[in-house]
Protein backbone atom coordinates (compact mmCIF):
# COMPACT_ATOMS: atom_id res chain seq x y z
CA UNK A 1 0.00 0.00 0.00
CA UNK A 2 1.25 3.51 -0.85
CA UNK A 3 0.51 6.40 1.51
CA UNK A 4 0.78 10.15 0.91
CA UNK A 5 1.42 12.35 3.98
CA UNK A 6 0.57 16.05 3.66
CA UNK A 7 2.90 18.40 5.58
CA UNK A 8 6.56 19.21 6.21
CA UNK A 9 7.10 19.23 9.96
CA UNK A 10 8.27 16.94 12.73
CA UNK A 11 4.75 15.57 13.08
CA UNK A 12 4.72 14.49 9.42
CA UNK A 13 8.19 12.91 9.67
CA UNK A 14 6.94 10.94 12.70
CA UNK A 15 3.81 9.84 10.80
CA UNK A 16 5.88 8.66 7.81
CA UNK A 17 8.38 6.94 10.12
CA UNK A 18 5.63 5.08 11.98
CA UNK A 19 3.78 4.03 8.83
CA UNK A 20 6.99 2.68 7.29
CA UNK A 21 7.48 0.32 10.25
CA UNK A 22 4.67 -1.78 8.76
CA UNK A 23 5.35 -4.39 6.10
CA UNK A 24 1.97 -3.44 4.63
CA UNK A 25 3.30 -0.04 3.59
CA UNK A 26 5.27 -0.13 0.35
CA UNK A 27 6.06 3.59 0.13
CA UNK A 28 5.31 6.95 1.75
CA UNK A 29 5.26 10.17 -0.27
CA UNK A 30 5.49 13.43 1.71
CA UNK A 31 4.06 16.70 0.35
CA UNK A 32 6.28 18.67 0.54
CA UNK A 33 8.24 16.84 3.25
CA UNK A 34 11.56 17.93 4.77
CA UNK A 35 15.21 16.91 4.94
CA UNK A 36 14.44 13.88 7.10
CA UNK A 37 11.73 12.46 4.87
CA UNK A 38 13.97 13.09 1.84
CA UNK A 39 16.58 10.59 3.09
CA UNK A 40 14.33 7.99 4.72
CA UNK A 41 14.22 4.60 3.00
CA UNK A 42 11.02 3.93 0.99
CA UNK A 43 10.07 7.59 1.40
CA UNK A 44 10.18 10.44 -1.09
CA UNK A 45 9.25 14.11 -1.13
CA UNK A 46 6.91 15.69 -3.66
CA UNK A 47 7.48 19.46 -4.06
CA UNK A 48 3.86 20.61 -3.99
CA UNK A 49 2.18 23.07 -1.62
CA UNK A 50 -0.13 21.62 1.01
CA UNK A 51 -3.02 23.60 -0.50
CA UNK A 52 -2.41 22.39 -4.07
CA UNK A 53 -5.37 20.04 -3.89
CA UNK A 54 -5.52 19.49 -7.65
CA UNK A 55 -1.80 18.65 -7.83
CA UNK A 56 -1.98 16.28 -4.86
CA UNK A 57 -5.06 14.58 -6.29
CA UNK A 58 -3.52 14.18 -9.75
CA UNK A 59 -0.34 12.65 -8.34
CA UNK A 60 -2.21 10.31 -5.99
CA UNK A 61 -4.52 9.02 -8.73
CA UNK A 62 -1.69 8.57 -11.24
CA UNK A 63 0.64 6.80 -8.80
CA UNK A 64 -1.60 4.34 -7.01
CA UNK A 65 -1.81 6.13 -3.64
CA UNK A 66 -4.15 4.13 -1.39
CA UNK A 67 -4.37 6.55 1.53
CA UNK A 68 -3.79 10.27 2.19
CA UNK A 69 -2.94 11.32 5.77
CA UNK A 70 -3.22 15.07 6.40
CA UNK A 71 -0.89 16.57 9.02
CA UNK A 72 -1.52 20.35 9.32
CA UNK A 73 -4.72 22.15 10.20
CA UNK A 74 -4.69 24.70 7.35
CA UNK A 75 -5.44 22.31 4.44
CA UNK A 76 -8.08 20.58 6.59
CA UNK A 77 -9.76 23.92 7.26
CA UNK A 78 -9.58 24.67 3.52
CA UNK A 79 -11.39 21.41 2.69
CA UNK A 80 -8.67 19.07 1.45
CA UNK A 81 -10.55 16.01 2.74
CA UNK A 82 -13.74 16.92 0.91
CA UNK A 83 -11.82 17.64 -2.33
CA UNK A 84 -9.78 14.44 -2.35
CA UNK A 85 -12.71 12.25 -1.32
CA UNK A 86 -14.68 13.68 -4.24
CA UNK A 87 -11.86 12.40 -6.48
CA UNK A 88 -12.30 8.90 -5.03
CA UNK A 89 -9.30 9.00 -2.65
CA UNK A 90 -9.28 7.67 0.91
CA UNK A 91 -8.33 10.45 3.36
CA UNK A 92 -7.57 10.53 7.09
CA UNK A 93 -8.65 13.88 8.47
CA UNK A 94 -12.00 15.56 9.15
CA UNK A 95 -14.09 17.37 6.56
CA UNK A 96 -14.01 21.15 6.26
CA UNK A 97 -17.17 21.29 8.38
CA UNK A 98 -15.51 19.24 11.12
CA UNK A 99 -12.26 21.23 10.95
CA UNK A 100 -14.18 24.31 12.13
CA UNK A 101 -13.56 22.94 15.61
CA UNK A 102 -10.01 24.31 15.26
CA UNK A 103 -10.50 26.90 12.53
CA UNK A 104 -12.93 28.96 14.63
CA UNK A 105 -12.54 29.26 18.38
CA UNK A 106 -15.97 30.91 18.55
CA UNK A 107 -17.57 27.97 16.71
CA UNK A 108 -15.82 25.52 19.03
CA UNK A 109 -16.97 27.47 22.10
CA UNK A 110 -20.57 27.34 20.93
CA UNK A 111 -20.27 23.60 20.28
CA UNK A 112 -18.83 22.99 23.77
CA UNK A 113 -21.62 24.99 25.41
CA UNK A 114 -24.21 23.10 23.37
CA UNK A 115 -22.66 19.76 24.33
CA UNK A 116 -22.14 20.60 28.01
CA UNK A 117 -18.36 20.20 27.75
CA UNK A 118 -16.54 21.91 30.66
CA UNK A 119 -14.68 24.98 29.37
CA UNK A 120 -13.68 28.48 30.40
CA UNK A 121 -16.25 31.29 30.48
CA UNK A 122 -15.90 33.41 27.34
CA UNK A 123 -17.40 36.09 25.12
CA UNK A 124 -17.11 36.49 21.33
CA UNK A 125 -16.93 39.93 19.68
CA UNK A 126 -16.70 41.30 16.14
CA UNK A 127 -15.56 44.84 16.97
CA UNK A 128 -13.03 46.41 19.33
CA UNK A 129 -15.51 48.67 21.15
CA UNK A 130 -17.76 45.85 22.39
CA UNK A 131 -14.73 43.65 23.10
CA UNK A 132 -13.16 46.33 25.32
CA UNK A 133 -16.46 47.03 27.04
CA UNK A 134 -16.72 43.32 27.97
CA UNK A 135 -13.06 43.26 28.93
CA UNK A 136 -13.52 45.91 31.60
CA UNK A 137 -16.39 43.98 33.14
CA UNK A 138 -13.94 41.12 33.81
CA UNK A 139 -10.86 40.72 35.98
CA UNK A 140 -7.26 40.23 34.93
CA UNK A 141 -5.33 38.16 34.01
CA UNK A 142 -7.50 37.35 31.01
CA UNK A 143 -7.00 35.53 27.71
CA UNK A 144 -7.45 37.21 24.32
CA UNK A 145 -7.71 34.94 21.26
CA UNK A 146 -7.95 35.66 17.54
CA UNK A 147 -10.92 33.58 16.40
CA UNK A 148 -9.35 31.84 13.39
CA UNK A 149 -6.14 30.01 12.54
CA UNK A 150 -3.08 32.07 13.48
CA UNK A 151 -0.28 29.47 13.39
CA UNK A 152 -0.43 29.18 17.19
CA UNK A 153 0.38 32.89 17.67
CA UNK A 154 -3.06 34.41 18.11
CA UNK A 155 -3.37 33.94 21.88
CA UNK A 156 -2.36 36.50 24.53
CA UNK A 157 -2.50 35.87 28.27
CA UNK A 158 -2.85 39.50 29.38
CA UNK A 159 -1.79 40.39 32.90
CA UNK A 160 -3.19 43.93 32.71
CA UNK A 161 -6.10 45.65 30.97
CA UNK A 162 -3.56 47.63 28.92
CA UNK A 163 -2.03 44.40 27.57
CA UNK A 164 -5.49 43.04 26.85
CA UNK A 165 -6.53 46.19 24.97
CA UNK A 166 -3.33 46.08 22.91
CA UNK A 167 -4.03 42.44 22.02
CA UNK A 168 -7.59 43.30 20.94
CA UNK A 169 -6.30 46.17 18.79
CA UNK A 170 -3.65 43.96 17.18
CA UNK A 171 -6.27 41.36 16.23
CA UNK A 172 -8.74 43.82 14.74
CA UNK A 173 -5.97 45.77 12.97
CA UNK A 174 -5.10 42.66 10.98
CA UNK A 175 -1.98 41.29 12.69
CA UNK A 176 -3.32 37.75 12.18
CA UNK A 177 -4.97 38.30 8.82
CA UNK A 178 -8.38 36.70 8.35
CA UNK A 179 -8.05 35.08 11.80
CA UNK A 180 -8.77 38.54 13.24
CA UNK A 181 -12.34 39.08 12.04
CA UNK A 182 -13.53 38.35 15.57
CA UNK A 183 -12.04 37.91 19.01
CA UNK A 184 -12.69 35.50 21.88
CA UNK A 185 -12.16 36.85 25.41
CA UNK A 186 -11.82 34.06 27.93
CA UNK A 187 -11.29 33.73 31.65
CA UNK A 188 -7.73 32.80 32.54
CA UNK A 189 -7.47 29.33 34.03
CA UNK A 190 -4.59 28.26 36.23
CA UNK A 191 -3.00 24.84 36.35
CA UNK A 192 -1.17 22.46 34.03
CA UNK A 193 -1.99 21.88 30.38
CA UNK A 194 -2.39 18.35 29.02
CA UNK A 195 -2.91 17.25 25.42
CA UNK A 196 -5.40 14.43 24.85
CA UNK A 197 -5.38 13.24 21.22
CA UNK A 198 -8.12 10.81 20.30
CA UNK A 199 -8.93 8.71 17.23
CA UNK A 200 -12.53 8.72 16.06
CA UNK A 201 -14.62 7.24 13.26
CA UNK A 202 -17.53 9.57 14.04
CA UNK A 203 -19.23 7.02 16.30
CA UNK A 204 -16.50 5.59 18.54
CA UNK A 205 -13.69 7.70 20.03
CA UNK A 206 -10.53 6.33 21.64
CA UNK A 207 -7.88 8.45 23.35
CA UNK A 208 -4.17 8.01 22.73
CA UNK A 209 -1.65 8.42 25.55
CA UNK A 210 -1.98 11.84 27.24
CA UNK A 211 1.03 14.10 26.65
CA UNK A 212 2.38 17.30 28.16
CA UNK A 213 3.96 19.99 25.99
CA UNK A 214 6.35 22.82 26.96
CA UNK A 215 5.07 25.87 25.10
CA UNK A 216 7.31 28.60 26.51
CA UNK A 217 10.67 29.23 24.86
CA UNK A 218 12.60 29.66 28.11
CA UNK A 219 13.58 27.31 30.89
CA UNK A 220 11.27 27.31 33.86
CA UNK A 221 8.37 27.87 31.42
CA UNK A 222 9.32 31.52 30.84
CA UNK A 223 9.39 33.75 27.80
CA UNK A 224 7.27 33.78 24.67
CA UNK A 225 4.86 31.09 23.58
CA UNK A 226 6.08 28.78 20.83
CA UNK A 227 4.75 25.86 18.82
CA UNK A 228 6.24 23.65 21.54
CA UNK A 229 9.80 23.14 22.83
CA UNK A 230 9.43 19.53 23.97
CA UNK A 231 6.95 16.98 25.24
CA UNK A 232 6.59 13.73 27.15
CA UNK A 233 4.07 10.93 27.52
CA UNK A 234 2.18 9.46 29.33
CA UNK A 235 1.52 12.60 31.40
CA UNK A 236 1.15 11.46 35.04
CA UNK A 237 -1.21 14.31 35.89
CA UNK A 238 -3.77 12.74 33.53
CA UNK A 239 -4.68 9.92 35.90
CA UNK A 240 -6.84 6.96 34.90
CA UNK A 241 -9.73 8.51 36.83
CA UNK A 242 -9.34 11.84 35.05
CA UNK A 243 -9.05 10.17 31.62
CA UNK A 244 -12.26 8.24 32.29
CA UNK A 245 -14.01 11.57 32.92
CA UNK A 246 -12.45 13.11 29.80
CA UNK A 247 -13.81 10.19 27.78
CA UNK A 248 -17.41 10.72 28.90
CA UNK A 249 -17.51 14.46 29.61
CA UNK A 250 -15.41 15.70 26.67
CA UNK A 251 -14.71 13.22 23.88
CA UNK A 252 -18.02 11.37 23.66
CA UNK A 253 -20.10 14.53 24.23
CA UNK A 254 -18.20 16.39 21.51
CA UNK A 255 -18.57 13.66 18.90
CA UNK A 256 -22.28 13.42 19.71
CA UNK A 257 -22.67 17.20 19.34
CA UNK A 258 -20.90 17.08 15.97
CA UNK A 259 -23.25 14.32 14.84
CA UNK A 260 -26.22 16.41 15.98
CA UNK A 261 -24.96 19.15 13.65
CA UNK A 262 -24.82 16.66 10.79
CA UNK A 263 -21.01 16.42 10.84
CA UNK A 264 -19.50 12.96 10.31
CA UNK A 265 -16.16 13.62 12.03
CA UNK A 266 -13.46 11.04 11.25
CA UNK A 267 -9.83 11.61 12.16
CA UNK A 268 -8.06 13.06 15.19
CA UNK A 269 -9.89 15.10 17.81
CA UNK A 270 -7.30 16.78 20.03
CA UNK A 271 -8.48 18.31 23.29
CA UNK A 272 -6.17 20.79 24.98
CA UNK A 273 -7.04 20.59 28.68
CA UNK A 274 -6.20 22.71 31.69
CA UNK A 275 -5.91 20.59 34.84
CA UNK A 276 -6.76 22.92 37.70
CA UNK A 277 -4.96 22.81 41.08
CA UNK A 278 -7.97 21.02 42.64
CA UNK A 279 -7.70 18.20 40.07
CA UNK A 280 -10.65 19.27 37.94
CA UNK A 281 -10.29 20.19 34.24
CA UNK A 282 -11.56 22.50 31.50
CA UNK A 283 -11.14 22.31 27.74
CA UNK A 284 -9.00 25.21 26.52
CA UNK A 285 -9.38 24.42 22.82
CA UNK A 286 -9.85 21.67 20.27
CA UNK A 287 -7.58 20.84 17.35
CA UNK A 288 -8.57 18.79 14.31
CA UNK A 289 -5.22 17.01 13.73
CA UNK A 290 -2.23 15.33 15.36
CA UNK A 291 -0.36 17.60 17.78
CA UNK A 292 3.23 18.74 17.30
CA UNK A 293 5.45 17.85 19.17
CA UNK A 294 3.09 15.45 21.00
CA UNK A 295 2.97 13.11 17.99
CA UNK A 296 6.76 12.69 18.22
CA UNK A 297 6.39 11.02 21.64
CA UNK A 298 3.01 9.30 21.22
CA UNK A 299 3.79 7.38 18.01
CA UNK A 300 7.07 5.86 19.29
CA UNK A 301 5.04 4.39 22.18
CA UNK A 302 2.35 2.94 19.91
CA UNK A 303 2.39 -0.85 19.35
CA UNK A 304 -0.81 -1.20 17.32
CA UNK A 305 -0.02 -0.61 13.62
CA UNK A 306 -0.91 3.00 12.85
CA UNK A 307 -2.41 2.20 9.45
CA UNK A 308 -4.82 -0.30 11.08
CA UNK A 309 -6.18 2.45 13.34
CA UNK A 310 -6.38 4.99 10.53
CA UNK A 311 -8.26 2.62 8.21
CA UNK A 312 -10.64 1.65 11.04
CA UNK A 313 -11.50 5.34 11.48
CA UNK A 314 -12.02 5.94 7.77
CA UNK A 315 -14.14 2.79 7.38
CA UNK A 316 -16.11 3.48 10.58
CA UNK A 317 -15.18 0.26 12.38
CA UNK A 318 -13.08 1.63 15.23
CA UNK A 319 -15.53 0.10 17.70
CA UNK A 320 -14.64 -3.37 16.41
CA UNK A 321 -10.91 -2.90 16.98
CA UNK A 322 -9.16 -4.42 20.02
CA UNK A 323 -7.81 -2.01 22.64
CA UNK A 324 -4.89 0.13 21.43
CA UNK A 325 -1.59 -1.49 22.47
CA UNK A 326 1.23 0.60 23.95
CA UNK A 327 4.85 0.05 24.91
CA UNK A 328 5.67 0.15 28.59
CA UNK A 329 7.66 3.07 29.96
CA UNK A 330 7.85 6.66 28.78
CA UNK A 331 8.92 8.86 25.89
CA UNK A 332 10.31 12.40 25.81
CA UNK A 333 11.30 14.73 22.99
CA UNK A 334 13.41 17.90 23.04
CA UNK A 335 13.14 20.51 20.28
CA UNK A 336 16.38 21.88 18.81
CA UNK A 337 15.46 25.35 17.52
CA UNK A 338 17.13 28.07 15.50
CA UNK A 339 18.62 30.94 17.50
CA UNK A 340 16.09 33.76 17.78
CA UNK A 341 13.02 31.52 17.56
CA UNK A 342 10.10 32.29 17.98
CA UNK A 343 11.23 35.66 16.62
CA UNK A 344 13.51 36.21 13.65
CA UNK A 345 16.02 33.48 12.86
CA UNK A 346 18.42 32.51 10.09
CA UNK A 347 18.05 29.53 7.75
CA UNK A 348 20.54 27.49 5.77
CA UNK A 349 22.84 26.42 8.62
CA UNK A 350 24.55 23.04 8.16
CA UNK A 351 23.43 20.42 10.69
CA UNK A 352 25.85 17.73 11.86
CA UNK A 353 25.64 14.83 14.30
CA UNK A 354 22.22 13.41 13.45
CA UNK A 355 23.63 9.96 12.66
CA UNK A 356 25.63 9.96 15.90
CA UNK A 357 22.51 10.91 17.87
CA UNK A 358 20.73 7.92 16.34
CA UNK A 359 23.62 5.61 17.20
CA UNK A 360 23.41 6.95 20.76
CA UNK A 361 19.85 5.63 20.96
CA UNK A 362 17.73 8.66 20.16
CA UNK A 363 15.19 8.96 17.35
CA UNK A 364 15.57 12.23 15.44
CA UNK A 365 12.50 13.66 13.72
CA UNK A 366 13.21 16.51 11.31
CA UNK A 367 10.97 19.58 11.43
CA UNK A 368 12.48 22.71 9.86
CA UNK A 369 15.14 21.08 7.65
CA UNK A 370 15.92 20.59 3.97
CA UNK A 371 18.34 18.51 1.92
CA UNK A 372 20.59 20.55 -0.39
CA UNK A 373 22.24 19.59 -3.68
CA UNK A 374 25.37 18.45 -1.83
CA UNK A 375 23.25 16.08 0.29
CA UNK A 376 23.76 18.20 3.40
CA UNK A 377 20.94 18.71 5.89
CA UNK A 378 20.33 22.44 6.46
CA UNK A 379 18.14 24.36 8.88
CA UNK A 380 14.96 25.63 7.23
CA UNK A 381 12.66 26.70 10.05
CA UNK A 382 12.32 27.83 13.65
CA UNK A 383 11.87 24.42 15.21
CA UNK A 384 14.56 22.38 13.45
CA UNK A 385 14.68 18.89 15.02
CA UNK A 386 12.84 16.79 17.60
CA UNK A 387 15.19 14.47 19.48
CA UNK A 388 13.16 11.69 21.10
CA UNK A 389 14.19 9.18 23.76
CA UNK A 390 12.42 6.13 25.16
CA UNK A 391 12.98 4.53 28.54
CA UNK A 392 11.51 2.41 31.29
CA UNK A 393 10.74 5.65 33.13
CA UNK A 394 10.87 9.39 32.55
CA UNK A 395 14.42 9.73 33.86
CA UNK A 396 15.68 7.27 31.26
CA UNK A 397 13.62 8.69 28.40
CA UNK A 398 14.66 12.29 29.07
CA UNK A 399 18.31 11.29 29.54
CA UNK A 400 18.22 9.41 26.22
CA UNK A 401 16.88 12.44 24.38
CA UNK A 402 19.54 14.77 25.82
CA UNK A 403 22.26 12.20 25.18
CA UNK A 404 21.30 12.22 21.52
CA UNK A 405 21.06 16.00 21.44
CA UNK A 406 24.67 16.37 22.64
CA UNK A 407 25.84 15.09 19.24
CA UNK A 408 23.84 17.58 17.16
CA UNK A 409 25.33 20.90 16.10
CA UNK A 410 24.38 23.86 13.91
CA UNK A 411 25.07 27.58 14.19
CA UNK A 412 22.73 29.16 16.71
CA UNK A 413 21.29 25.89 18.06
CA UNK A 414 19.03 26.48 21.05
CA UNK A 415 17.10 24.06 23.21
CA UNK A 416 15.61 24.02 26.68
CA UNK A 417 17.57 21.97 29.19
CA UNK A 418 14.63 21.37 31.53
CA UNK A 419 12.15 19.40 29.41
CA UNK A 420 10.23 17.13 31.76
CA UNK A 421 11.04 19.16 34.85
CA UNK A 422 7.61 18.48 36.35
CA UNK A 423 7.92 14.69 36.16
CA UNK A 424 11.57 14.71 37.25
CA UNK A 425 10.53 16.44 40.48
């Protein structure tokens, strides 16, 4: 079977890597892929944009692609699943209607309220005057969110009313493009965030291992928000008791609410949760795809063949599958980023030591990399590599990741040295 993976990040490298562990998978084609997928055996890159639906469809139909797996949220929100399915292709990822759960925070809020899913109190506004009027009826800190997709950068946790007003102005003045047509103002919840990714065929929904990301760029969870500087799984704070509640109070209620709206949601439903100090939880947001970098720790722990789970979702027979099988122990990944990230950074720096990191026992997933004409791997993004370690416990997994990272070099390399600090305590 031939599979096409849409995307070019660490998540997509991890998806291709996991799929290729199966003897059922003949080849993976990544669109457009990165330096890691370019050199992986039985994998090739196809230099098309993720929103070139016609080009992707034409290639898939002409080259015997059996399955398309969509990584990023943007093509899902633009309707790639609907387009490719209309061409007779099998696609893993929700329809454009289902992808609204990530593409519009206001839409997702309304769905959660309709379904009775626990979430933060919020208001939605389409102009700055009404938004600021509501703002001053609330306390601070408070969270200001651009309604649409903003590449993870449209959220401000404002500590003062002045910061909140500036965030509102930035959104309505077009800083986030079309994502700024409306704003969501939300109460600020305290606690620890946990990512719960779940597979669903629209009827049955099964969670994967809970993971915990490190969003801040600086050690001690300081500095600017990023796409994620590292992650580990299974997150101990997501106890079996809490996960049982998430299943009934969040996942099952949300899928039922989607069905009630006539949406047949098949793919990944990713709930970003805030675990409050008293052990309760609220849903911060939903995503319609695999998380990044959570995927880079979840998939190495997965024992059930990934393609079996994906096909069960597409063919609506997830309920007939045996329980998902997992490796024992833990996994951790550390992001090696370009100097200056998440602000301005240089590209084109030569990366060395990846092979040595692999020999040392780590798994290296490429994110912002490319292969040049001289067969060198160069930096090509803010988050460059994900260095993942496995172990019998968190200490071993984290140590394995950092052991691998010691071998990797490029000009300006930056990484946090405290990934997993909560579990190490």
